[in-house]
N, C-alpha and C. Protein backbone atom coordinates (compact mmCIF):
# COMPACT_ATOMS: atom_id res chain seq x y z
N MET A 1 0.84 -1.19 0.00
CA MET A 1 0.00 0.00 0.00
C MET A 1 0.89 1.25 0.00
N THR A 2 0.57 2.21 -0.85
CA THR A 2 1.34 3.43 -0.96
C THR A 2 0.88 4.43 0.09
N GLU A 3 1.87 5.04 0.73
CA GLU A 3 1.56 6.00 1.79
C GLU A 3 1.29 7.36 1.18
N LYS A 4 0.27 8.04 1.72
CA LYS A 4 -0.08 9.38 1.25
C LYS A 4 0.71 10.42 2.02
N ASN A 5 1.18 11.42 1.29
CA ASN A 5 1.85 12.57 1.89
C ASN A 5 0.82 13.66 2.12
N THR A 6 1.01 14.44 3.16
CA THR A 6 0.19 15.63 3.37
C THR A 6 1.09 16.84 3.18
N GLU A 7 0.71 17.67 2.23
CA GLU A 7 1.49 18.87 1.91
C GLU A 7 0.66 20.10 2.20
N LYS A 8 1.30 21.11 2.76
CA LYS A 8 0.65 22.40 2.96
C LYS A 8 0.95 23.26 1.74
N VAL A 9 -0.11 23.79 1.15
CA VAL A 9 0.05 24.67 0.00
C VAL A 9 -0.77 25.93 0.23
N GLU A 10 -0.39 26.98 -0.46
CA GLU A 10 -1.16 28.21 -0.39
C GLU A 10 -1.70 28.53 -1.77
N ILE A 11 -3.01 28.73 -1.81
CA ILE A 11 -3.67 29.08 -3.06
C ILE A 11 -4.51 30.32 -2.80
N PHE A 12 -4.17 31.39 -3.48
CA PHE A 12 -4.90 32.64 -3.41
C PHE A 12 -5.07 33.13 -1.96
N GLY A 13 -3.97 33.02 -1.23
CA GLY A 13 -3.95 33.52 0.14
C GLY A 13 -4.53 32.59 1.19
N GLN A 14 -4.99 31.44 0.80
CA GLN A 14 -5.55 30.46 1.73
C GLN A 14 -4.62 29.26 1.82
N GLU A 15 -4.44 28.75 3.03
CA GLU A 15 -3.61 27.56 3.21
C GLU A 15 -4.49 26.31 3.18
N TYR A 16 -4.00 25.30 2.45
CA TYR A 16 -4.71 24.03 2.34
C TYR A 16 -3.74 22.90 2.62
N LYS A 17 -4.27 21.84 3.23
CA LYS A 17 -3.51 20.61 3.40
C LYS A 17 -4.02 19.63 2.35
N ILE A 18 -3.10 19.22 1.49
CA ILE A 18 -3.45 18.34 0.38
C ILE A 18 -2.79 16.99 0.60
N LYS A 19 -3.60 15.94 0.55
CA LYS A 19 -3.06 14.58 0.65
C LYS A 19 -2.90 14.02 -0.75
N GLY A 20 -1.75 13.41 -0.98
CA GLY A 20 -1.51 12.81 -2.29
C GLY A 20 -0.44 11.75 -2.21
N VAL A 21 -0.42 10.92 -3.22
CA VAL A 21 0.58 9.87 -3.33
C VAL A 21 1.63 10.33 -4.34
N GLY A 22 2.88 10.08 -4.03
CA GLY A 22 3.92 10.41 -4.99
C GLY A 22 4.69 11.65 -4.61
N ASP A 23 5.18 12.32 -5.63
CA ASP A 23 6.09 13.44 -5.49
C ASP A 23 5.41 14.66 -4.87
N PRO A 24 5.86 15.10 -3.69
CA PRO A 24 5.28 16.30 -3.06
C PRO A 24 5.48 17.56 -3.91
N HIS A 25 6.55 17.59 -4.71
CA HIS A 25 6.79 18.75 -5.57
C HIS A 25 5.69 18.89 -6.62
N TYR A 26 5.15 17.77 -7.04
CA TYR A 26 4.05 17.80 -8.02
C TYR A 26 2.84 18.50 -7.42
N ILE A 27 2.50 18.16 -6.19
CA ILE A 27 1.37 18.79 -5.51
C ILE A 27 1.58 20.30 -5.44
N HIS A 28 2.80 20.72 -5.12
CA HIS A 28 3.10 22.15 -5.03
C HIS A 28 3.03 22.83 -6.41
N ARG A 29 3.47 22.12 -7.44
CA ARG A 29 3.40 22.70 -8.79
C ARG A 29 1.96 22.90 -9.23
N ILE A 30 1.13 21.90 -8.95
CA ILE A 30 -0.29 21.99 -9.32
C ILE A 30 -0.97 23.12 -8.54
N ALA A 31 -0.71 23.18 -7.25
CA ALA A 31 -1.28 24.24 -6.42
C ALA A 31 -0.80 25.61 -6.92
N GLY A 32 0.46 25.70 -7.28
CA GLY A 32 1.00 26.95 -7.81
C GLY A 32 0.32 27.35 -9.10
N TYR A 33 -0.01 26.38 -9.93
CA TYR A 33 -0.68 26.65 -11.19
C TYR A 33 -2.09 27.21 -10.94
N VAL A 34 -2.81 26.57 -10.01
CA VAL A 34 -4.16 27.04 -9.67
C VAL A 34 -4.08 28.46 -9.09
N ASP A 35 -3.11 28.68 -8.20
CA ASP A 35 -2.92 30.00 -7.61
C ASP A 35 -2.65 31.04 -8.70
N LYS A 36 -1.79 30.71 -9.64
CA LYS A 36 -1.46 31.62 -10.74
C LYS A 36 -2.70 31.96 -11.56
N LYS A 37 -3.50 30.95 -11.89
CA LYS A 37 -4.72 31.17 -12.67
C LYS A 37 -5.70 32.07 -11.93
N MET A 38 -5.85 31.82 -10.65
CA MET A 38 -6.78 32.64 -9.85
C MET A 38 -6.29 34.09 -9.80
N ARG A 39 -5.00 34.28 -9.63
CA ARG A 39 -4.46 35.64 -9.56
C ARG A 39 -4.59 36.36 -10.91
N GLU A 40 -4.39 35.64 -11.99
CA GLU A 40 -4.56 36.24 -13.32
C GLU A 40 -5.99 36.72 -13.52
N ILE A 41 -6.95 35.89 -13.12
CA ILE A 41 -8.36 36.24 -13.28
C ILE A 41 -8.71 37.42 -12.38
N ALA A 42 -8.25 37.39 -11.14
CA ALA A 42 -8.55 38.48 -10.22
C ALA A 42 -7.97 39.79 -10.74
N HIS A 43 -6.77 39.71 -11.27
CA HIS A 43 -6.10 40.92 -11.76
C HIS A 43 -6.79 41.48 -13.01
N SER A 44 -7.15 40.59 -13.93
CA SER A 44 -7.69 41.05 -15.21
C SER A 44 -9.18 41.38 -15.16
N SER A 45 -9.92 40.81 -14.21
CA SER A 45 -11.37 41.00 -14.22
C SER A 45 -11.86 41.99 -13.16
N GLY A 46 -11.09 42.16 -12.12
CA GLY A 46 -11.55 43.04 -11.04
C GLY A 46 -12.59 42.40 -10.14
N ILE A 47 -12.86 41.12 -10.36
CA ILE A 47 -13.82 40.40 -9.51
C ILE A 47 -13.22 40.25 -8.11
N MET A 48 -14.02 40.46 -7.10
CA MET A 48 -13.52 40.38 -5.73
C MET A 48 -13.92 39.07 -5.04
N SER A 49 -14.97 38.45 -5.49
CA SER A 49 -15.45 37.23 -4.84
C SER A 49 -14.50 36.07 -5.10
N GLN A 50 -13.98 35.51 -4.03
CA GLN A 50 -13.03 34.40 -4.17
C GLN A 50 -13.69 33.19 -4.83
N SER A 51 -14.95 32.94 -4.50
CA SER A 51 -15.62 31.78 -5.10
C SER A 51 -15.82 31.97 -6.60
N ARG A 52 -16.15 33.18 -7.04
CA ARG A 52 -16.31 33.44 -8.48
C ARG A 52 -14.97 33.30 -9.21
N ILE A 53 -13.92 33.80 -8.57
CA ILE A 53 -12.58 33.67 -9.15
C ILE A 53 -12.21 32.19 -9.27
N ALA A 54 -12.50 31.41 -8.23
CA ALA A 54 -12.19 29.98 -8.25
C ALA A 54 -12.96 29.26 -9.36
N ILE A 55 -14.22 29.62 -9.54
CA ILE A 55 -15.03 28.99 -10.59
C ILE A 55 -14.49 29.35 -11.97
N LEU A 56 -14.16 30.61 -12.18
CA LEU A 56 -13.61 31.02 -13.47
C LEU A 56 -12.26 30.36 -13.73
N ALA A 57 -11.44 30.22 -12.69
CA ALA A 57 -10.16 29.53 -12.84
C ALA A 57 -10.39 28.07 -13.20
N ALA A 58 -11.35 27.43 -12.54
CA ALA A 58 -11.67 26.03 -12.85
C ALA A 58 -12.14 25.89 -14.29
N LEU A 59 -12.96 26.82 -14.75
CA LEU A 59 -13.43 26.78 -16.14
C LEU A 59 -12.28 26.97 -17.12
N ASN A 60 -11.38 27.89 -16.82
CA ASN A 60 -10.23 28.10 -17.69
C ASN A 60 -9.33 26.87 -17.75
N ILE A 61 -9.09 26.26 -16.60
CA ILE A 61 -8.25 25.06 -16.55
C ILE A 61 -8.94 23.90 -17.27
N ALA A 62 -10.26 23.77 -17.09
CA ALA A 62 -11.01 22.72 -17.79
C ALA A 62 -10.95 22.94 -19.29
N ASP A 63 -11.03 24.20 -19.74
CA ASP A 63 -10.92 24.51 -21.16
C ASP A 63 -9.55 24.09 -21.69
N GLU A 64 -8.49 24.39 -20.94
CA GLU A 64 -7.14 23.97 -21.34
C GLU A 64 -7.07 22.46 -21.48
N LEU A 65 -7.64 21.75 -20.50
CA LEU A 65 -7.63 20.29 -20.52
C LEU A 65 -8.34 19.75 -21.75
N TYR A 66 -9.53 20.26 -22.04
CA TYR A 66 -10.29 19.77 -23.18
C TYR A 66 -9.58 20.09 -24.50
N GLN A 67 -8.95 21.26 -24.59
CA GLN A 67 -8.20 21.58 -25.80
C GLN A 67 -7.03 20.62 -25.98
N GLU A 68 -6.33 20.30 -24.90
CA GLU A 68 -5.22 19.35 -24.97
C GLU A 68 -5.71 17.97 -25.36
N LYS A 69 -6.86 17.55 -24.82
CA LYS A 69 -7.41 16.24 -25.17
C LYS A 69 -7.77 16.19 -26.65
N GLU A 70 -8.35 17.28 -27.16
CA GLU A 70 -8.72 17.34 -28.57
C GLU A 70 -7.47 17.28 -29.44
N THR A 71 -6.44 18.01 -29.06
CA THR A 71 -5.17 17.99 -29.80
C THR A 71 -4.58 16.59 -29.80
N LYS A 72 -4.59 15.94 -28.65
CA LYS A 72 -4.06 14.57 -28.54
C LYS A 72 -4.85 13.61 -29.43
N LYS A 73 -6.18 13.74 -29.42
CA LYS A 73 -7.01 12.88 -30.25
C LYS A 73 -6.70 13.09 -31.73
N ASN A 74 -6.54 14.35 -32.15
CA ASN A 74 -6.22 14.64 -33.55
C ASN A 74 -4.86 14.07 -33.94
N ILE A 75 -3.89 14.20 -33.05
CA ILE A 75 -2.55 13.65 -33.32
C ILE A 75 -2.62 12.13 -33.43
N GLN A 76 -3.36 11.49 -32.53
CA GLN A 76 -3.48 10.03 -32.58
C GLN A 76 -4.17 9.58 -33.87
N ASN A 77 -5.20 10.31 -34.29
CA ASN A 77 -5.88 9.97 -35.54
C ASN A 77 -4.94 10.12 -36.73
N GLU A 78 -4.18 11.21 -36.75
CA GLU A 78 -3.23 11.45 -37.84
C GLU A 78 -2.15 10.37 -37.85
N LEU A 79 -1.68 10.00 -36.67
CA LEU A 79 -0.66 8.95 -36.55
C LEU A 79 -1.21 7.62 -37.07
N GLY A 80 -2.44 7.31 -36.72
CA GLY A 80 -3.07 6.08 -37.20
C GLY A 80 -3.20 6.08 -38.72
N ARG A 81 -3.58 7.23 -39.27
CA ARG A 81 -3.71 7.36 -40.72
C ARG A 81 -2.36 7.18 -41.40
N LYS A 82 -1.33 7.81 -40.86
CA LYS A 82 0.02 7.70 -41.44
C LYS A 82 0.54 6.27 -41.32
N ALA A 83 0.27 5.61 -40.21
CA ALA A 83 0.71 4.22 -40.03
C ALA A 83 0.04 3.31 -41.06
N ALA A 84 -1.26 3.56 -41.30
CA ALA A 84 -1.98 2.76 -42.29
C ALA A 84 -1.40 2.98 -43.69
N GLU A 85 -1.09 4.24 -44.01
CA GLU A 85 -0.48 4.55 -45.31
C GLU A 85 0.87 3.85 -45.46
N LEU A 86 1.67 3.89 -44.41
CA LEU A 86 2.98 3.24 -44.43
C LEU A 86 2.82 1.73 -44.59
N GLY A 87 1.85 1.16 -43.88
CA GLY A 87 1.59 -0.27 -44.03
C GLY A 87 1.20 -0.63 -45.44
N ASP A 88 0.38 0.21 -46.07
CA ASP A 88 -0.02 -0.02 -47.47
C ASP A 88 1.18 0.07 -48.40
N LEU A 89 2.05 1.05 -48.18
CA LEU A 89 3.24 1.19 -49.02
C LEU A 89 4.16 -0.02 -48.90
N ILE A 90 4.35 -0.48 -47.69
CA ILE A 90 5.20 -1.66 -47.46
C ILE A 90 4.60 -2.88 -48.15
N GLU A 91 3.29 -3.03 -48.00
CA GLU A 91 2.59 -4.15 -48.63
C GLU A 91 2.73 -4.10 -50.15
N ASP A 92 2.59 -2.89 -50.72
CA ASP A 92 2.74 -2.72 -52.17
C ASP A 92 4.16 -3.08 -52.62
N LYS A 93 5.17 -2.67 -51.85
CA LYS A 93 6.57 -2.98 -52.20
C LYS A 93 6.82 -4.47 -52.14
N ILE A 94 6.28 -5.12 -51.12
CA ILE A 94 6.47 -6.57 -50.99
C ILE A 94 5.78 -7.29 -52.15
N SER A 95 4.57 -6.85 -52.48
CA SER A 95 3.82 -7.46 -53.58
C SER A 95 4.54 -7.25 -54.91
N ALA A 96 5.11 -6.07 -55.10
CA ALA A 96 5.80 -5.74 -56.35
C ALA A 96 7.09 -6.56 -56.50
N GLY A 97 7.67 -6.94 -55.38
CA GLY A 97 8.93 -7.70 -55.40
C GLY A 97 8.74 -9.17 -55.67
N ARG A 98 7.55 -9.65 -55.68
CA ARG A 98 7.28 -11.08 -55.88
C ARG A 98 7.31 -11.45 -57.31
């Protein structure tokens, strides 16, 4: 069984204890990213409500995630198409050599 670490992080001026498995630096990097997003939104929008800032940050991060997933899916599809083309070329060369 893997032991969970408890890390103290600060996000947008609030301290949180986060439990996680693995590298504690990862937890801090993720928390830092969320903090950065919240600060960017607070700075650019003038919104004062912490909960509204948190929701907008979550939406922005979710948008980034979905865009990355779409990009990954497109790359995988293109890779599959190229692999099929290469397989056809190899098959044609083998057939031509007979």
